[in-house]
Protein backbone atom coordinates (compact mmCIF):
# COMPACT_ATOMS: atom_id res chain seq x y z
CA MET A 1 -19.46 44.35 -42.14
CA SER A 2 -17.70 41.11 -41.23
CA PRO A 3 -18.20 37.91 -43.28
CA SER A 4 -20.13 36.39 -40.39
CA ALA A 5 -22.47 39.37 -40.29
CA ALA A 6 -22.88 39.19 -44.06
CA ALA A 7 -23.68 35.49 -43.73
CA ALA A 8 -26.22 36.26 -41.02
CA ILE A 9 -27.92 38.73 -43.34
CA THR A 10 -28.00 36.22 -46.16
CA LYS A 11 -29.47 33.48 -43.96
CA LYS A 12 -32.56 35.63 -43.63
CA THR A 13 -33.24 35.19 -47.33
CA GLY A 14 -35.13 31.91 -47.07
CA ALA A 15 -38.83 31.38 -47.48
CA GLN A 16 -39.63 34.10 -44.97
CA SER A 17 -37.35 36.76 -46.47
CA GLY A 18 -39.57 37.72 -49.36
CA VAL A 19 -36.80 37.31 -51.92
CA LYS A 20 -38.36 34.36 -53.72
CA PRO A 21 -42.03 33.47 -53.36
CA PRO A 22 -42.98 29.92 -52.43
CA LYS A 23 -44.09 27.70 -55.29
CA GLY A 24 -47.70 28.07 -56.19
CA SER A 25 -48.06 31.34 -54.31
CA ALA A 26 -48.49 33.65 -57.30
CA SER A 27 -49.92 36.89 -56.02
CA PRO A 28 -52.64 38.81 -57.86
CA GLY A 29 -50.41 41.87 -57.42
CA VAL A 30 -47.60 40.42 -59.54
CA PRO A 31 -47.33 42.36 -62.83
CA LYS A 32 -47.73 40.42 -66.05
CA ILE A 33 -45.23 40.77 -68.89
CA TRP A 34 -47.34 43.32 -70.77
CA GLU A 35 -47.60 45.38 -67.59
CA ARG A 36 -43.82 45.34 -67.18
CA TRP A 37 -43.50 46.68 -70.71
CA LEU A 38 -46.10 49.31 -69.83
CA TYR A 39 -44.11 50.41 -66.76
CA PHE A 40 -40.93 50.57 -68.83
CA SER A 41 -42.75 52.67 -71.44
CA LEU A 42 -43.86 55.02 -68.67
CA TYR A 43 -40.26 55.25 -67.48
CA ALA A 44 -38.98 56.00 -70.99
CA THR A 45 -41.65 58.65 -71.52
CA LEU A 46 -40.82 60.38 -68.24
CA VAL A 47 -37.11 60.35 -69.08
CA LEU A 48 -37.61 61.83 -72.55
CA CYS A 49 -40.19 64.43 -71.52
CA ARG A 50 -38.48 65.85 -68.45
CA ILE A 51 -36.33 68.33 -70.43
CA PRO A 52 -37.94 68.38 -73.90
CA LYS A 53 -35.44 70.84 -75.41
CA ILE A 54 -32.75 68.16 -75.22
CA ILE A 55 -34.69 66.23 -77.86
CA THR A 56 -36.07 69.10 -79.91
CA CYS A 57 -32.81 71.08 -80.08
CA GLY A 58 -30.15 68.38 -79.90
CA ARG A 59 -27.62 68.87 -77.13
CA PHE A 60 -24.01 68.20 -76.29
CA TRP A 61 -23.78 68.78 -72.55
CA ALA A 62 -20.60 70.53 -71.34
CA GLU A 63 -17.60 68.23 -71.94
CA GLU A 64 -19.64 65.99 -74.26
CA GLY A 65 -19.01 68.43 -77.11
CA LYS A 66 -16.02 70.54 -76.15
CA VAL A 67 -13.90 67.63 -74.91
CA PHE A 68 -15.20 64.22 -76.00
CA PHE A 69 -16.66 65.04 -79.44
CA SER A 70 -13.71 67.28 -80.31
CA THR A 71 -11.28 64.57 -79.20
CA ALA A 72 -13.08 61.93 -81.27
CA CYS A 73 -12.83 64.18 -84.33
CA HIS A 74 -9.03 64.35 -83.96
CA HIS A 75 -8.38 60.64 -83.31
CA GLU A 76 -9.20 57.26 -84.76
CA TRP A 77 -12.21 55.71 -83.03
CA TYR A 78 -10.16 53.00 -81.30
CA GLN A 79 -7.83 55.63 -79.86
CA SER A 80 -10.49 58.00 -78.50
CA LEU A 81 -12.50 55.06 -77.11
CA ILE A 82 -9.95 54.48 -74.34
CA LEU A 83 -8.71 58.01 -73.71
CA PRO A 84 -9.19 59.05 -70.06
CA TYR A 85 -10.45 62.44 -68.96
CA GLY A 86 -10.37 63.94 -65.47
CA GLY A 87 -8.34 61.06 -64.10
CA TYR A 88 -10.47 58.12 -65.18
CA LEU A 89 -11.91 56.32 -68.21
CA ASN A 90 -15.51 57.22 -69.06
CA LEU A 91 -16.40 54.54 -71.59
CA PRO A 92 -20.00 55.67 -72.34
CA ALA A 93 -18.86 59.24 -73.03
CA ASN A 94 -16.05 58.03 -75.31
CA LEU A 95 -18.38 55.60 -77.09
CA GLY A 96 -21.08 58.22 -77.60
CA ALA A 97 -18.56 60.72 -78.98
CA ASP A 98 -17.09 58.13 -81.36
CA ILE A 99 -20.52 57.22 -82.75
CA ALA A 100 -21.46 60.90 -83.01
CA CYS A 101 -18.26 61.76 -84.87
CA HIS A 102 -17.64 58.75 -87.09
CA LEU A 103 -21.08 57.23 -87.74
CA THR A 104 -23.57 60.10 -87.55
CA PRO A 105 -24.22 63.01 -89.95
CA LEU A 106 -22.89 66.20 -88.38
CA GLN A 107 -26.27 67.91 -88.05
CA PHE A 108 -27.54 64.97 -85.98
CA ALA A 109 -24.36 64.29 -83.97
CA PRO A 110 -25.76 65.12 -80.49
CA TYR A 111 -28.58 62.64 -80.98
CA ALA A 112 -26.03 59.83 -80.98
CA THR A 113 -24.86 60.75 -77.47
CA ILE A 114 -28.46 61.30 -76.35
CA ALA A 115 -29.39 57.81 -77.61
CA ILE A 116 -26.41 56.18 -75.87
CA ALA A 117 -27.20 58.09 -72.68
CA PHE A 118 -30.82 56.94 -72.86
CA LEU A 119 -29.79 53.29 -73.15
CA PHE A 120 -27.71 53.51 -69.99
CA GLN A 121 -30.35 55.57 -68.19
CA ALA A 122 -32.94 52.92 -69.07
CA LEU A 123 -30.85 50.11 -67.56
CA PRO A 124 -32.19 50.42 -63.95
CA ALA A 125 -35.74 50.17 -65.28
CA VAL A 126 -34.84 47.11 -67.38
CA LEU A 127 -33.34 45.42 -64.32
CA ILE A 128 -36.45 46.09 -62.26
CA ALA A 129 -38.82 44.99 -65.04
CA THR A 130 -36.93 41.70 -65.53
CA SER A 131 -36.51 40.95 -61.83
CA LYS A 132 -38.25 37.93 -60.31
CA ASP A 133 -37.66 39.03 -56.71
CA HIS A 134 -40.73 38.78 -54.53
CA TRP A 135 -40.18 42.22 -53.01
CA LEU A 136 -40.18 43.84 -56.48
CA ASN A 137 -42.89 41.69 -58.06
CA ASN A 138 -45.69 44.01 -57.09
CA ARG A 139 -47.45 46.44 -59.39
CA LEU A 140 -47.31 49.42 -57.04
CA ILE A 141 -43.70 48.88 -55.96
CA MET A 142 -42.41 48.32 -59.50
CA ALA A 143 -44.20 51.40 -60.83
CA ALA A 144 -43.20 53.49 -57.80
CA ALA A 145 -39.51 52.62 -58.24
CA MET A 146 -39.54 53.67 -61.88
CA ILE A 147 -41.36 56.91 -61.08
CA ALA A 148 -38.91 57.64 -58.26
CA PHE A 149 -35.94 57.24 -60.63
CA THR A 150 -37.42 59.67 -63.16
CA THR A 151 -38.88 62.34 -60.86
CA ALA A 152 -36.18 62.74 -58.19
CA PRO A 153 -35.89 66.52 -57.61
CA MET A 154 -33.21 68.63 -59.28
CA THR A 155 -31.45 65.76 -61.07
CA ASP A 156 -31.13 67.65 -64.37
CA GLU A 157 -27.33 67.38 -64.20
CA VAL A 158 -27.47 63.64 -64.87
CA TRP A 159 -30.20 63.74 -67.51
CA LEU A 160 -29.63 62.23 -70.96
CA ASN A 161 -25.92 62.87 -71.21
CA THR A 162 -23.16 60.29 -71.51
CA LEU A 163 -20.97 62.12 -68.99
CA GLN A 164 -23.28 60.92 -66.22
CA SER A 165 -24.22 57.51 -67.60
CA GLN A 166 -21.88 56.28 -64.87
CA VAL A 167 -24.47 57.39 -62.31
CA PHE A 168 -27.13 55.06 -63.73
CA LEU A 169 -24.62 52.24 -64.12
CA THR A 170 -23.74 52.63 -60.42
CA LEU A 171 -27.44 52.55 -59.51
CA SER A 172 -27.80 49.42 -61.66
CA CYS A 173 -24.92 47.75 -59.81
CA GLY A 174 -26.59 48.52 -56.48
CA LEU A 175 -29.85 46.98 -57.69
CA ILE A 176 -28.06 43.86 -58.96
CA LEU A 177 -26.38 43.49 -55.57
CA ALA A 178 -29.75 43.49 -53.81
CA MET A 179 -31.59 41.26 -56.29
CA SER A 180 -31.53 37.48 -56.26
CA THR A 181 -29.70 35.87 -59.18
CA SER A 182 -31.79 35.27 -62.28
CA ASP A 183 -31.92 33.14 -65.44
CA LYS A 184 -29.06 33.08 -67.92
CA SER A 185 -30.18 35.81 -70.32
CA VAL A 186 -30.78 38.33 -67.56
CA GLU A 187 -27.58 37.34 -65.76
CA TRP A 188 -25.53 38.04 -68.89
CA LEU A 189 -27.00 41.55 -69.02
CA ARG A 190 -26.16 42.04 -65.34
CA ARG A 191 -22.60 40.80 -65.81
CA ALA A 192 -22.09 43.18 -68.74
CA ALA A 193 -23.36 46.08 -66.61
CA LEU A 194 -21.08 45.11 -63.73
CA LEU A 195 -18.06 45.00 -66.05
CA VAL A 196 -18.79 48.27 -67.84
CA ALA A 197 -19.85 50.28 -64.77
CA PRO A 198 -16.37 50.67 -63.21
CA LEU A 199 -14.99 51.52 -66.67
CA SER A 200 -17.32 54.52 -66.80
CA GLY A 201 -16.26 56.12 -63.52
CA CYS A 202 -15.03 55.46 -60.02
CA THR A 203 -18.27 55.44 -57.99
CA SER A 204 -19.20 51.86 -58.83
CA VAL A 205 -15.72 50.76 -57.72
CA MET A 206 -16.89 51.61 -54.19
CA LEU A 207 -19.40 48.73 -54.41
CA VAL A 208 -16.74 46.03 -54.93
CA PRO A 209 -16.44 45.15 -51.19
CA PHE A 210 -20.21 44.60 -50.96
CA PHE A 211 -20.21 42.24 -53.96
CA VAL A 212 -17.28 40.32 -52.50
CA MET A 213 -19.03 40.05 -49.10
CA ARG A 214 -22.25 38.78 -50.66
CA ALA A 215 -20.38 36.28 -52.83
CA PHE A 216 -18.46 35.05 -49.77
CA ALA A 217 -21.63 34.82 -47.67
CA GLU A 218 -23.71 32.93 -50.24
CA ARG A 219 -20.89 30.97 -51.89
CA SER A 220 -22.88 30.67 -55.10
CA LYS A 221 -21.35 30.51 -58.56
CA GLN A 222 -23.56 33.36 -59.84
CA ARG A 223 -22.51 35.69 -57.01
CA VAL A 224 -18.85 34.87 -57.51
CA ILE A 225 -19.15 35.70 -61.23
CA GLN A 226 -20.90 38.98 -60.40
CA ALA A 227 -18.15 39.92 -57.96
CA GLY A 228 -15.53 38.91 -60.51
CA CYS A 229 -17.05 41.12 -63.22
CA ILE A 230 -17.17 44.30 -61.15
CA LEU A 231 -13.75 43.53 -59.65
CA ALA A 232 -12.20 43.03 -63.10
CA GLY A 233 -13.56 46.34 -64.39
CA SER A 234 -12.43 48.10 -61.22
CA ILE A 235 -8.88 46.73 -61.50
CA LEU A 236 -8.64 47.93 -65.10
CA GLN A 237 -9.93 51.38 -64.17
CA VAL A 238 -7.69 51.82 -61.13
CA MET A 239 -4.49 50.28 -62.50
CA PHE A 240 -4.46 51.77 -66.01
CA PHE A 241 -6.24 55.11 -65.56
CA VAL A 242 -6.70 56.30 -61.96
CA LEU A 243 -3.27 55.52 -60.49
CA PRO A 244 -1.28 56.98 -63.42
CA TYR A 245 -3.35 60.16 -63.11
CA LEU A 246 -2.80 60.41 -59.36
CA ARG A 247 0.93 59.98 -59.85
CA SER A 248 0.98 62.89 -62.30
CA GLU A 249 -1.62 65.00 -60.45
CA PRO A 250 -1.09 64.32 -56.74
CA SER A 251 -2.91 67.54 -55.83
CA ARG A 252 -6.35 65.94 -56.26
CA PHE A 253 -7.74 65.96 -52.75
CA ALA A 254 -9.85 63.07 -51.46
CA GLY A 255 -11.01 64.06 -48.00
CA ILE A 256 -13.53 66.23 -46.23
CA ASP A 257 -14.16 67.74 -42.82
CA PRO A 258 -16.54 65.38 -40.92
CA TRP A 259 -18.93 68.19 -39.93
CA LEU A 260 -19.01 69.40 -43.53
CA LEU A 261 -19.64 65.84 -44.72
CA LEU A 262 -22.64 65.44 -42.43
CA THR A 263 -24.00 68.85 -43.46
CA VAL A 264 -23.70 67.92 -47.14
CA PHE A 265 -25.35 64.56 -46.43
CA PHE A 266 -28.20 66.40 -44.69
CA ASN A 267 -28.64 68.74 -47.66
CA LYS A 268 -28.50 66.09 -50.38
CA ASN A 269 -30.06 63.03 -48.73
CA ILE A 270 -32.58 64.47 -46.28
CA LEU A 271 -33.52 68.05 -47.16
CA LEU A 272 -33.54 67.77 -50.97
CA PRO A 273 -35.63 64.55 -51.25
CA LEU A 274 -38.13 65.77 -48.65
CA ALA A 275 -38.47 69.43 -49.68
CA ALA A 276 -36.84 69.94 -53.10
CA ASN A 277 -36.74 73.65 -54.04
CA ASP A 278 -38.50 74.61 -50.82
CA GLY A 279 -35.40 73.60 -48.87
CA ALA A 280 -33.14 76.03 -50.73
CA VAL A 281 -33.52 78.88 -48.22
CA TYR A 282 -32.59 76.75 -45.22
CA SER A 283 -29.77 75.17 -47.20
CA GLU A 284 -28.33 78.62 -47.91
CA ILE A 285 -28.53 79.48 -44.21
CA LEU A 286 -26.57 76.32 -43.42
CA ARG A 287 -23.98 77.13 -46.07
CA ARG A 288 -23.40 80.68 -44.83
CA SER A 289 -23.21 79.62 -41.21
CA PHE A 290 -20.64 76.94 -42.07
CA LEU A 291 -18.51 79.36 -44.08
CA ALA A 292 -18.69 81.79 -41.15
CA HIS A 293 -17.18 79.07 -38.92
CA ALA A 294 -20.42 78.81 -36.93
CA PRO A 295 -21.95 75.60 -38.33
CA ASP A 296 -25.51 74.72 -37.42
CA ILE A 297 -25.81 71.66 -35.18
CA VAL A 298 -29.14 70.53 -36.68
CA PRO A 299 -27.61 68.83 -39.77
CA LEU A 300 -25.03 67.10 -37.55
CA ILE A 301 -27.71 65.64 -35.28
CA ALA A 302 -30.17 64.83 -38.07
CA SER A 303 -27.58 63.14 -40.30
CA THR A 304 -26.13 61.12 -37.42
CA LEU A 305 -29.56 59.90 -36.33
CA TYR A 306 -30.53 59.12 -39.92
CA LEU A 307 -27.36 57.11 -40.54
CA ILE A 308 -27.87 55.21 -37.28
CA THR A 309 -31.44 54.47 -38.37
CA LEU A 310 -30.21 53.15 -41.71
CA CYS A 311 -27.70 50.89 -39.93
CA VAL A 312 -30.45 49.57 -37.64
CA MET A 313 -32.63 48.91 -40.70
CA ALA A 314 -29.77 46.99 -42.30
CA SER A 315 -29.17 44.86 -39.22
CA ARG A 316 -32.79 44.08 -38.38
CA CYS A 317 -34.49 43.87 -41.77
CA LYS A 318 -34.43 41.22 -44.43
CA ALA A 319 -31.52 40.82 -46.82
CA PRO A 320 -32.62 42.96 -49.79
CA VAL A 321 -32.98 45.97 -47.50
CA ALA A 322 -29.51 45.55 -46.02
CA TRP A 323 -27.92 45.24 -49.47
CA LEU A 324 -29.70 48.44 -50.54
CA VAL A 325 -29.28 50.62 -47.46
CA LEU A 326 -25.61 50.02 -46.65
CA PRO A 327 -24.28 50.52 -50.20
CA GLY A 328 -26.62 53.50 -50.65
CA ALA A 329 -25.31 55.31 -47.57
CA ALA A 330 -21.70 54.33 -48.33
CA LEU A 331 -21.97 55.60 -51.92
CA ALA A 332 -23.26 58.97 -50.74
CA LEU A 333 -20.63 59.49 -48.06
CA MET A 334 -17.69 58.29 -50.15
CA SER A 335 -18.81 60.23 -53.23
CA TYR A 336 -18.94 63.50 -51.28
CA THR A 337 -15.55 62.73 -49.75
CA CYS A 338 -13.92 62.10 -53.14
CA SER A 339 -15.82 64.69 -55.17
CA LEU A 340 -14.03 66.84 -57.72
CA ASN A 341 -15.99 69.92 -56.65
CA PRO A 342 -14.61 72.26 -54.02
CA LYS A 343 -16.09 70.57 -50.96
CA THR A 344 -17.87 73.68 -49.65
CA ASP A 345 -19.65 74.07 -53.02
CA LEU A 346 -21.55 70.89 -52.14
CA LEU A 347 -23.36 72.95 -49.51
CA TYR A 348 -25.40 74.48 -52.32
CA LEU A 349 -28.55 72.37 -52.36
CA PHE A 350 -28.44 71.66 -56.10
CA ASP A 351 -24.68 71.43 -56.64
CA GLY A 352 -23.09 68.04 -57.27
CA ILE A 353 -26.33 66.06 -57.49
CA ARG A 354 -24.40 63.46 -59.51
CA TYR A 355 -22.71 62.44 -56.28
CA ALA A 356 -26.04 61.96 -54.49
CA TYR A 357 -28.37 60.35 -57.03
CA ALA A 358 -27.37 56.66 -57.03
CA GLY A 359 -27.06 56.35 -53.25
CA GLN A 360 -30.34 58.15 -52.61
CA MET A 361 -32.22 56.02 -55.15
CA LEU A 362 -30.95 52.81 -53.51
CA ILE A 363 -32.22 54.04 -50.14
CA THR A 364 -35.57 54.96 -51.74
CA VAL A 365 -35.87 51.44 -53.19
CA ALA A 366 -35.15 50.09 -49.69
CA TYR A 367 -38.17 52.02 -48.38
CA LEU A 368 -40.29 50.50 -51.14
CA ALA A 369 -38.96 47.03 -50.32
CA LEU A 370 -40.00 47.49 -46.68
CA VAL A 371 -43.54 48.27 -47.83
CA LYS A 372 -43.55 44.64 -48.96
CA LEU A 373 -41.28 42.99 -46.40
CA GLY A 374 -41.58 44.98 -43.17
CA SER A 375 -43.78 44.59 -40.11
CA LEU A 376 -47.18 46.28 -40.16
CA ARG A 377 -45.84 49.43 -38.47
CA THR A 378 -42.76 49.50 -40.72
CA LYS A 379 -44.93 49.03 -43.80
CA LEU A 380 -47.10 51.98 -42.79
CA ILE A 381 -44.14 54.28 -42.05
CA CYS A 382 -42.33 53.38 -45.28
CA ALA A 383 -45.50 53.68 -47.35
CA VAL A 384 -46.10 57.21 -46.05
CA LEU A 385 -42.44 58.18 -46.53
CA SER A 386 -42.26 56.68 -50.03
CA GLY A 387 -45.53 58.36 -50.96
CA TRP A 388 -44.19 61.73 -49.82
CA LEU A 389 -40.92 61.29 -51.76
CA LEU A 390 -42.91 60.46 -54.90
CA PHE A 391 -45.26 63.41 -54.33
CA VAL A 392 -42.35 65.85 -53.98
CA GLY A 393 -40.66 64.42 -57.07
CA ILE A 394 -43.78 64.57 -59.21
CA CYS A 395 -44.52 68.14 -58.12
CA HIS A 396 -41.00 69.22 -59.15
CA TYR A 397 -40.72 66.97 -62.20
CA ARG A 398 -40.39 69.82 -64.70
CA HIS A 399 -38.53 72.25 -62.42
CA ALA A 400 -35.03 72.79 -63.79
CA ASP A 401 -32.35 75.43 -63.83
CA PRO A 402 -32.48 77.34 -67.16
CA ALA A 403 -28.87 76.30 -67.86
CA PHE A 404 -30.09 72.69 -68.05
CA LYS A 405 -33.46 73.45 -69.60
CA TYR A 406 -32.63 75.71 -72.54
CA GLY A 407 -29.89 76.04 -75.12
CA PRO A 408 -29.22 76.64 -78.80
CA SER A 409 -30.41 74.32 -81.55
CA TRP A 410 -27.57 72.17 -82.85
CA PRO A 411 -28.94 71.75 -86.43
CA ALA A 412 -29.39 75.53 -86.69
CA GLN A 413 -25.85 76.07 -85.45
CA ILE A 414 -24.45 73.60 -87.99
CA GLU A 415 -26.37 75.30 -90.79
CA ALA A 416 -24.78 78.64 -89.78
CA TRP A 417 -21.36 77.01 -89.34
CA ARG A 418 -21.46 75.57 -92.86
CA LYS A 419 -21.74 79.14 -94.15
CA ASP A 420 -19.06 80.50 -91.83
CA HIS A 421 -16.56 78.07 -90.29
CA SER A 422 -15.44 80.67 -87.75
CA LYS A 423 -18.71 80.35 -85.86
CA ILE A 424 -18.67 78.40 -82.59
CA VAL A 425 -21.15 75.63 -81.82
CA GLY A 426 -22.43 73.80 -78.77
CA GLY A 427 -23.15 75.88 -75.72
CA TRP A 428 -25.14 73.85 -73.20
CA PRO A 429 -24.30 75.59 -70.87
CA ALA A 430 -23.10 78.76 -72.59
CA ASN A 431 -19.44 78.59 -71.54
CA TRP A 432 -18.97 75.18 -73.21
CA SER A 433 -19.13 76.32 -76.85
CA PHE A 434 -16.32 75.11 -79.11
CA ASN A 435 -14.92 75.42 -82.63
CA LEU A 436 -15.29 72.75 -85.28
CA ASP A 437 -12.33 71.98 -87.51
CA PRO A 438 -13.77 71.49 -91.04
CA SER A 439 -10.81 69.30 -91.99
CA ARG A 440 -11.57 66.92 -89.13
CA VAL A 441 -15.37 66.71 -89.25
CA HIS A 442 -16.70 63.71 -91.13
């Protein structure tokens, strides 16, 4: 998008854009403060109740225990806080492991990472609840956005673990980009999120051009500071962690066959949100046909048409929609392109959901925004589509792969380990168990 195009989008944000309501036009649909707290409480409840065993058993998920917690036990806190893993710095994972190791009794260690993960997972809801934007200041839209975030199908991979706090920080950055600037206290929270997000992973770095374009288009001090925060964090991540890794590990492949990319986009951003588990059979047919070098043309056509539709929405609709749709689609496409997974593994419907979540949620919020801002026909279409997405999510709210849903009790494991230090602990999933060094555990 050129600066002139970005400026044209921003010019639509006046009194008719729906970003800020005219003075004296308080709507009866605007939620009061106690209602915002109620919506946030609903969000928190849905987050904590989706996979109850995480809370009742205590869980280190995969690298949280075997890599990050073990590393924290063998280093001083200030050393392990800035240690990279997998080619980048993941600050929330390092912070959670440090608190779990150095400040938490051993039998409760996983609850430290769960608590840190919850704080970051709650951030998108906090941003929505504190927003003064006209398109979000509606009871139904505010509640629907929070329900969408917590009921999106098959998102167990990102649930309540610090490894994937970066996903919710990226979503938060996308929301900040679309929202109008706010009062000082809220802006400081947003700036902190924009600085930390790129230090937790590389996906939010992809949003830097959009923040720069919006700052250039609006030429406001607040937008320039926002762009500066995410740019500063991105420079630190890329210069001190990503580039040194790529120089030592040049084999990491960032690229994907275009047909495969569009098939993955179809699976993750069209089929999964609309059908959830019920799309698994067709997804497997697509995967097998692609691996047999006879790819189905349906995903190619559907994804192309859908992306064109999103671009048309961005060009014709009011500013918040453009700043949600374009980053959402770009995040999805670039995340699949740069994913660590073998690219063909992304053809499994439920594989690599961490690459899809933030982009898809931004597009979902765009649909909800159009319920408020669109023409009568657009409002009707987006209301039906949003309603269906929420219905599918709610119906599959508790559906989860057993590997994510069940695992051993950490306190019980520690009790057994205290009697026999040769016993392994952890094990969510099973192949991520690890040994504790009694001389290193505080």
